[in-house]
Structure formats: structure tokens, C-alpha cells
Protein backbone atom coordinates (compact mmCIF):
# COMPACT_ATOMS: atom_id res chain seq x y z
CA MET A 1 -0.06 0.01 -0.08
CA LYS A 2 1.17 3.72 -0.92
CA PHE A 3 0.26 6.72 1.09
CA ALA A 4 -2.19 8.78 -0.66
CA SER A 5 -1.19 12.73 -1.14
CA ALA A 6 -3.48 14.94 0.57
CA ALA A 7 -4.72 16.08 -3.02
CA THR A 8 -5.58 12.74 -4.23
CA ALA A 9 -7.69 12.25 -1.03
CA LEU A 10 -9.31 15.63 -1.16
CA ALA A 11 -9.89 14.75 -5.14
CA LEU A 12 -12.19 11.79 -3.99
CA THR A 13 -15.64 11.83 -4.48
CA SER A 14 -17.97 12.84 -2.11
CA LEU A 15 -18.41 11.81 1.38
CA ALA A 16 -22.17 10.86 0.53
CA HIS A 17 -20.70 8.97 -2.32
CA VAL A 18 -18.08 6.84 -0.93
CA ALA A 19 -19.51 6.12 2.64
CA SER A 20 -22.24 3.39 2.55
CA GLY A 21 -24.78 5.43 4.54
CA THR A 22 -25.10 9.29 5.01
CA ASP A 23 -26.83 9.21 8.30
CA ILE A 24 -24.53 9.48 11.34
CA TYR A 25 -25.85 9.39 14.70
CA LEU A 26 -24.31 10.82 17.91
CA THR A 27 -25.29 11.87 21.54
CA GLU A 28 -24.99 15.14 23.73
CA MET A 29 -24.52 14.62 27.26
CA PRO A 30 -25.68 17.15 29.86
CA ALA A 31 -23.65 19.94 30.67
CA VAL A 32 -24.93 19.85 34.31
CA ILE A 33 -26.66 17.43 36.28
CA PRO A 34 -29.59 17.19 36.41
CA GLY A 35 -29.95 17.36 32.65
CA ASN A 36 -30.86 15.59 29.71
CA TYR A 37 -29.10 13.24 27.10
CA THR A 38 -30.46 13.75 23.63
CA ASN A 39 -29.68 11.51 20.70
CA TYR A 40 -29.35 13.28 17.23
CA LYS A 41 -29.24 11.40 13.80
CA TYR A 42 -27.05 13.96 10.98
CA ASP A 43 -27.61 13.41 7.68
CA THR A 44 -23.98 14.48 6.02
CA GLU A 45 -25.66 15.08 2.61
CA SER A 46 -28.04 17.59 3.25
CA GLY A 47 -26.84 18.82 6.54
CA SER A 48 -30.27 18.40 8.35
CA LEU A 49 -30.36 17.36 12.18
CA THR A 50 -32.72 15.42 13.51
CA THR A 51 -33.38 15.08 17.61
CA LEU A 52 -34.27 11.42 17.83
CA ALA A 53 -34.97 11.20 21.79
CA SER A 54 -33.62 12.80 25.07
CA GLN A 55 -33.93 11.64 28.63
CA LEU A 56 -33.22 13.43 31.82
CA GLU A 57 -30.14 12.18 33.76
CA SER A 58 -30.36 12.64 37.72
CA SER A 59 -27.25 13.10 40.13
CA TYR A 60 -27.71 9.40 40.26
CA THR A 61 -27.78 8.44 36.52
CA ALA A 62 -24.73 10.90 35.05
CA TYR A 63 -23.93 8.57 32.14
CA ASP A 64 -21.44 9.25 29.58
CA MET A 65 -21.86 7.67 26.35
CA VAL A 66 -18.28 7.97 25.50
CA ALA A 67 -17.44 4.00 24.53
CA GLY A 68 -18.98 2.02 21.53
CA SER A 69 -21.72 2.82 19.85
CA ALA A 70 -23.75 1.48 16.58
CA THR A 71 -27.05 1.53 14.99
CA CYS A 72 -28.57 -2.01 14.50
CA GLY A 73 -32.14 -2.14 12.77
CA ASN A 74 -34.32 0.71 14.09
CA ARG A 75 -32.16 0.77 17.33
CA TYR A 76 -29.40 2.91 18.26
CA TYR A 77 -26.92 1.68 20.90
CA ALA A 78 -24.43 2.98 23.20
CA ALA A 79 -22.24 1.88 26.06
CA ALA A 80 -23.32 4.34 29.07
CA VAL A 81 -20.52 4.67 31.74
CA GLN A 82 -21.09 6.60 35.09
CA ALA A 83 -17.06 6.64 36.27
CA PHE A 84 -16.61 4.34 39.08
CA ILE A 85 -20.35 4.55 39.95
CA SER A 86 -22.46 2.58 37.21
CA TRP A 87 -22.47 1.63 33.70
CA GLY A 88 -24.77 0.20 31.20
CA LEU A 89 -26.05 0.17 27.61
CA MET A 90 -28.25 2.92 26.09
CA VAL A 91 -30.78 1.95 23.99
CA THR A 92 -32.81 4.31 21.68
CA ASP A 93 -35.65 3.16 19.02
CA VAL A 94 -34.83 5.58 15.97
CA GLU A 95 -38.46 5.63 15.04
CA THR A 96 -40.21 6.29 17.92
CA GLY A 97 -37.74 7.69 20.33
CA LYS A 98 -38.39 5.49 22.87
CA THR A 99 -34.96 5.65 25.16
CA GLN A 100 -33.31 4.14 28.03
CA VAL A 101 -30.28 3.41 29.88
CA ILE A 102 -29.83 -0.74 30.81
CA ASP A 103 -28.06 -0.42 34.10
CA HIS A 104 -25.54 -3.25 34.58
CA THR A 105 -27.37 -4.41 37.06
CA ASP A 106 -30.02 -5.95 34.84
CA PHE A 107 -27.68 -7.62 32.99
CA PRO A 108 -27.38 -11.34 33.50
CA SER A 109 -25.31 -12.56 36.76
CA GLU A 110 -22.57 -13.48 34.95
CA THR A 111 -21.99 -10.29 33.11
CA ASN A 112 -23.54 -7.82 35.34
CA ASP A 113 -20.21 -6.69 37.04
CA LYS A 114 -18.57 -6.57 33.38
CA LEU A 115 -18.23 -2.87 31.44
CA VAL A 116 -19.55 -2.62 28.04
CA GLN A 117 -16.39 -1.21 26.37
CA THR A 118 -17.04 -1.23 22.49
CA ILE A 119 -20.22 -2.69 20.20
CA TRP A 120 -20.83 -3.58 16.86
CA CYS A 121 -24.01 -4.96 15.21
CA ASP A 122 -24.18 -8.74 14.84
CA GLY A 123 -23.89 -9.33 11.14
CA THR A 124 -25.99 -12.64 11.39
CA ASP A 125 -28.74 -10.74 13.36
CA SER A 126 -31.22 -9.04 10.66
CA THR A 127 -33.38 -7.63 13.63
CA GLY A 128 -30.96 -5.33 15.21
CA ASN A 129 -31.56 -7.13 18.41
CA SER A 130 -28.25 -8.45 18.77
CA LEU A 131 -24.65 -6.83 19.34
CA ILE A 132 -21.17 -8.25 19.13
CA ALA A 133 -19.31 -6.33 22.64
CA VAL A 134 -16.26 -6.42 23.81
CA LEU A 135 -17.15 -6.28 27.85
CA SER A 136 -14.12 -5.80 30.78
CA ASP A 137 -14.07 -6.61 34.28
CA THR A 138 -14.45 -3.42 36.51
CA GLU A 139 -11.64 -4.80 39.38
CA ASN A 140 -8.59 -6.45 37.61
CA PRO A 141 -9.37 -5.50 33.79
CA THR A 142 -9.65 -8.75 31.69
CA TYR A 143 -11.32 -8.47 28.49
CA SER A 144 -13.74 -10.76 26.50
CA VAL A 145 -16.20 -10.63 23.31
CA TYR A 146 -19.42 -11.62 24.27
CA ARG A 147 -22.88 -11.79 22.31
CA LEU A 148 -25.42 -9.11 23.57
CA VAL A 149 -29.12 -9.76 22.60
CA VAL A 150 -31.80 -6.79 23.90
CA ASP A 151 -35.32 -8.40 23.34
CA LYS A 152 -38.36 -6.19 22.66
CA ASP A 153 -38.92 -5.72 26.75
CA MET A 154 -35.16 -4.50 27.06
CA SER A 155 -34.44 -7.58 28.99
CA VAL A 156 -30.33 -8.60 27.98
CA SER A 157 -28.66 -11.95 27.41
CA THR A 158 -25.14 -12.37 27.25
CA SER A 159 -23.37 -15.24 25.89
CA LEU A 160 -19.20 -15.77 25.95
CA ILE A 161 -17.92 -15.99 22.26
CA ALA A 162 -14.34 -15.84 23.68
CA ASP A 163 -11.75 -14.23 26.31
CA ILE A 164 -9.00 -12.09 24.73
CA PRO A 165 -5.74 -13.17 25.96
CA GLN A 166 -3.32 -10.72 27.69
CA GLY A 167 0.40 -11.85 28.08
CA PRO A 168 1.99 -11.33 31.79
CA HIS A 169 3.67 -8.26 30.60
CA GLU A 170 0.79 -6.96 28.33
CA SER A 171 -1.74 -4.31 29.18
CA ASN A 172 -4.39 -2.38 27.78
CA THR A 173 -3.62 0.94 25.78
CA GLY A 174 -5.92 3.06 27.85
CA TRP A 175 -8.12 3.82 24.70
CA SER A 176 -11.00 2.51 23.66
CA THR A 177 -9.60 2.71 19.86
CA GLU A 178 -7.90 -0.41 20.97
CA PHE A 179 -10.55 -2.58 19.80
CA GLN A 180 -12.33 -2.71 16.18
CA ALA A 181 -14.00 -5.28 14.22
CA THR A 182 -14.61 -6.04 10.75
CA PRO A 183 -17.39 -4.22 8.75
CA ASP A 184 -19.72 -7.05 8.95
CA GLY A 185 -18.66 -7.51 12.60
CA SER A 186 -17.65 -11.13 12.14
CA GLN A 187 -14.24 -10.78 13.63
CA VAL A 188 -12.87 -8.38 16.53
CA TYR A 189 -9.29 -7.16 16.91
CA ALA A 190 -7.92 -5.78 20.00
CA SER A 191 -4.30 -4.49 20.71
CA TRP A 192 -2.27 -4.62 23.72
CA ALA A 193 0.77 -2.53 24.87
CA VAL A 194 3.50 -4.10 26.89
CA LYS A 195 4.12 -2.67 30.16
CA GLY A 196 7.60 -1.01 30.74
CA SER A 197 8.44 -0.96 27.06
CA SER A 198 7.72 2.81 26.87
CA ASN A 199 5.03 1.71 24.81
CA SER A 200 7.35 0.85 21.87
CA ASN A 201 5.93 -2.50 20.93
CA GLY A 202 2.52 -4.57 21.68
CA SER A 203 0.32 -7.57 20.17
CA ILE A 204 -2.50 -7.73 18.32
CA LYS A 205 -5.22 -10.35 19.03
CA ARG A 206 -8.16 -11.60 16.66
CA VAL A 207 -11.35 -12.89 17.55
CA ASP A 208 -13.52 -14.95 14.89
CA VAL A 209 -16.63 -14.31 16.31
CA GLU A 210 -18.48 -17.83 14.47
CA SER A 211 -15.57 -20.32 16.16
CA GLY A 212 -14.48 -18.18 19.18
CA GLU A 213 -10.58 -18.89 17.65
CA VAL A 214 -8.32 -16.50 18.73
CA SER A 215 -5.09 -15.59 16.44
CA GLU A 216 -1.93 -13.48 18.01
CA TRP A 217 0.67 -11.19 16.29
CA SER A 218 3.76 -9.54 17.98
CA VAL A 219 4.34 -5.83 17.52
CA THR A 220 8.06 -5.34 17.77
CA GLY A 221 10.29 -2.25 17.34
CA ASP A 222 10.54 1.33 18.13
CA ASN A 223 7.54 2.66 16.14
CA GLY A 224 5.01 1.92 19.18
CA TYR A 225 2.06 0.24 20.27
CA VAL A 226 -0.96 -0.14 17.87
CA TYR A 227 -3.32 2.86 18.92
CA ALA A 228 -6.15 1.86 16.31
CA MET A 229 -6.73 -0.45 13.04
CA PHE A 230 -9.11 -0.78 10.53
CA PRO A 231 -9.47 -4.10 9.39
CA LYS A 232 -11.38 -4.24 6.08
CA GLU A 233 -11.87 -7.71 5.40
CA ASN A 234 -12.20 -11.32 6.98
CA ASP A 235 -8.28 -13.02 7.75
CA ALA A 236 -7.23 -9.32 6.40
CA LYS A 237 -3.37 -9.70 6.16
CA GLN A 238 -2.87 -5.93 5.42
CA ILE A 239 -4.60 -3.50 7.63
CA SER A 240 -4.24 0.14 7.83
CA ALA A 241 -3.31 1.38 11.43
CA VAL A 242 -2.28 4.48 13.42
CA LEU A 243 0.92 3.87 15.92
CA ASN A 244 1.74 5.96 18.98
CA TYR A 245 4.95 5.93 20.54
CA ASN A 246 5.18 8.07 23.83
CA GLY A 247 2.24 10.71 22.42
CA VAL A 248 3.88 10.68 19.25
CA SER A 249 1.45 9.12 16.32
CA SER A 250 1.75 7.85 13.02
CA ARG A 251 0.37 6.08 9.85
CA ALA A 252 1.43 2.69 9.17
CA PHE A 253 0.21 -0.53 7.13
CA LEU A 254 0.92 -3.66 8.90
CA THR A 255 1.25 -6.74 7.38
CA LEU A 256 0.01 -9.93 9.61
CA ASN A 257 2.56 -12.71 8.83
CA ASP A 258 1.48 -16.47 9.29
CA ASP A 259 4.38 -16.79 11.66
CA GLY A 260 2.88 -14.37 14.27
CA SER A 261 5.05 -11.38 13.63
CA VAL A 262 3.79 -8.42 12.20
CA ASP A 263 5.73 -5.92 9.61
CA LEU A 264 5.20 -2.67 10.05
CA GLY A 265 6.09 -1.08 6.73
CA ASP A 266 6.91 2.31 6.19
CA SER A 267 5.39 4.71 8.82
CA GLU A 268 4.63 8.25 8.63
CA GLU A 269 4.51 10.80 11.39
CA ASP A 270 1.02 12.60 11.70
CA GLN A 271 -0.14 14.22 15.01
CA SER A 272 -3.71 14.63 13.93
CA LEU A 273 -4.04 10.96 14.02
CA PHE A 274 -4.65 10.88 17.85
CA LEU A 275 -7.79 12.18 18.72
CA GLY A 276 -8.73 10.86 21.93
CA GLY A 277 -9.86 7.51 23.20
CA MET A 278 -13.22 7.34 21.80
CA PRO A 279 -13.59 4.28 19.53
CA TRP A 280 -13.17 4.88 15.44
CA GLN A 281 -16.16 3.67 12.94
CA ILE A 282 -15.84 2.12 9.67
CA ASP A 283 -18.65 2.10 7.32
CA ALA A 284 -20.36 -0.87 6.03
CA GLU A 285 -18.03 -1.08 2.87
CA GLY A 286 -14.74 -0.88 4.94
CA GLN A 287 -13.84 2.54 2.64
CA VAL A 288 -14.63 5.24 5.17
CA GLY A 289 -13.76 5.66 8.83
CA MET A 290 -14.50 8.47 11.33
CA ALA A 291 -13.73 9.69 14.74
CA LEU A 292 -14.87 12.16 16.89
CA ASP A 293 -12.17 14.08 18.63
CA ASN A 294 -12.10 14.55 22.56
CA LYS A 295 -11.00 18.14 22.20
CA GLN A 296 -13.48 21.02 22.63
CA PRO A 297 -14.80 22.42 20.41
CA GLN A 298 -15.22 18.66 19.25
CA HIS A 299 -15.16 17.60 15.30
CA ILE A 300 -15.39 14.77 13.38
CA ASP A 301 -13.15 13.41 10.92
CA PHE A 302 -13.74 11.34 8.13
CA PHE A 303 -10.87 9.41 6.47
CA ASP A 304 -9.92 7.08 3.54
CA VAL A 305 -9.48 3.76 5.23
CA ASP A 306 -6.80 2.42 2.98
CA SER A 307 -4.33 5.81 2.98
CA LEU A 308 -5.82 7.23 6.55
CA GLU A 309 -5.86 10.68 5.04
CA VAL A 310 -8.43 12.93 6.02
CA LEU A 311 -11.62 13.40 3.35
CA SER A 312 -13.69 15.87 5.33
CA SER A 313 -14.52 17.16 8.38
CA LEU A 314 -17.27 18.15 10.54
CA GLU A 315 -17.04 21.15 13.09
CA GLU A 316 -19.68 21.25 15.90
CA LYS A 317 -20.97 24.79 14.06
CA ASP A 318 -21.72 22.87 10.94
CA ILE A 319 -23.60 20.45 12.67
CA PHE A 320 -25.68 22.48 15.60
CA GLY A 321 -25.30 26.10 14.05
CA ASP A 322 -23.33 27.24 16.95
CA VAL A 323 -20.65 26.72 19.46
CA GLN A 324 -21.16 26.07 22.72
CA ASN A 325 -18.50 23.38 23.45
CA ARG A 326 -21.30 20.59 23.78
CA LYS A 327 -20.22 17.03 25.19
CA LEU A 328 -20.64 14.56 22.35
CA GLY A 329 -20.04 10.81 22.20
CA GLY A 330 -21.87 7.83 21.29
CA LEU A 331 -20.74 8.31 17.51
CA THR A 332 -21.55 5.90 14.91
CA TRP A 333 -23.02 5.24 11.03
CA GLY A 334 -26.34 5.02 10.25
CA LYS A 335 -27.98 2.27 8.18
């Protein structure tokens, strides 16, 4: 793979054409508590903003939707976290506007102590009721891939697909960008950093959702751990990725070898690729990615998955017509 020039990237067809869907969904969290979280749909082609739902959050339910999110069937889902206090899963019916956060205490006993890290639609379920999710223990973080099913009565059932192994010297990177799935949700990737290595290397794990089989690769060298990666297809051998080394980010194109090693290829420093901790999204065709910056005022970058060149950006003012330093999260593609 070669780096595309900025001119080439900007000369690509409009976002509405290259992406498989023009709608994006996002959530605005309340500036003060008590206050309302609000779900929106934004049409990137027409520029129209639609309010889908709004729900009061009290001092006891101050959830943030800053981790995984997905739009499946007629539902918009987002992981909900109230740091160190509570967590759960927000579910919004995009047709009726009914919304609620299912608290973790309403999960089955085997998973009601686990945090929802990130989620994707289950490609085997056309109803939109089933999700593929990475859940983690809250005490001594370990990570597993689960299937979550939310029925019409908002009851949750969970089934373990596979644990994501961590070596004795490995740890999570600290960013939700470390998890990614193929566009059809059939394979889930995770990247770990090696403790005590100044974050100079790590590993990649891949879970096959159907079989539960786990594959592993070691990332060595001095270019950094994998901050984010973008597998376009099942059993991908080449993956575009963002590396991070002591706060310095670069784009790279990884080759996953059969012997468990990773060729990093050429890398190119680009600090604009570091956008904080919220998960990056890939559209259904594996062509366009997007990410929501953590810094205020927040903006959304849309990028070519192959080159990681930015195609376009949306500022807060573009979406809402003004700048109020809104607290935004739960970004995902529409269906």
C-alpha cells in the first residue's frame, strides 16, 4: 500500500458517495446534572439535524456515552458509563424515540459486573437486537468478546464468545480505539501494549466470532503500539493502522504474517491522527472511517480507510449551527 497525497484524498468523490450511508448518529451529554442526554441523527449529505430522543439524567444516573456505539435495525445503541459508580447500555428506538439506559445490574449475573467497552452489530441478526461486544471486568481488567441480545422488553441476555488473552507483560492501551471489528462484525481485533517498554511495542489479537478462535501477532520495534487499526475484511493480511509512541502518532500499514510477526512497513508521523480515546468507526463497505475528537470544541474527521488521509471534517458549528463546546459521544454510522 502507498500513502495517498492530501490532494488525492481531497479529490475523492463526496463523502455521501464513498460512504455506504450518509447518516451519522451521536449523543450530546448534559452540561450539568440533572440534565438531559439527547440523541441526534445528522444527514451528512443534506446537513439536516434530527433530534431522536432525550432523557433526563439525575445525579444518580450521570452516564457518559463515550465508548462503543452502533446503529442496528431500528435501534441506536451506545455504551453508557458513570465513572467508578455505574455503567450500562443505552438503547434508543430511532422510529419511536423511546430511549433508556439498561443498567449493568439488569444484565445476567455472569456479566453484571462487566463494563461495556465497545459494540458492533451482529451480522447474523437482521432484527438489530443482537450485538457483538467487548466487555471488561471492572476490578482487575480482563477483556472478553460476548454476544448481547436485547429483546423487545429490554431484557438482556449474554453469551461468551471468547476471552481476549493478555500476556504477563501486556496491558490495555488505555484507549477504546484499541478495539475494532471488520465491517460485518464477524471478527474482532484488540491491541495491547507491553508494560515497561515505553509503549514501544505490543501485540494484536483477533477473535473469530463464529468459532471463538483467537489468533495472535507480536508487534516489535520502536514505532509504538497500535493505537487504532482498520481491518477491511475477514482474515485480513494487510491493515492500515495508527501507531503511538510516547504521545507521537504515525500512520502505518501492517502486514500480519503467518508466523505471528507483524511487518510495520513505512510509517509517517502525523499527530492529527491522535483524537483521544473514543472508538473509531468504519462504514459498512470498509471504505470510510470516522472519529470524534475529544478536545473542545469537538469535531468529526472522515478519512479514507486505506490511506488514513482525511477526506473531510465536521465542526460543531456545521452540525448545530453554533459553538457551545457541547459534550458529544456515541458517534456511529446510520444504516
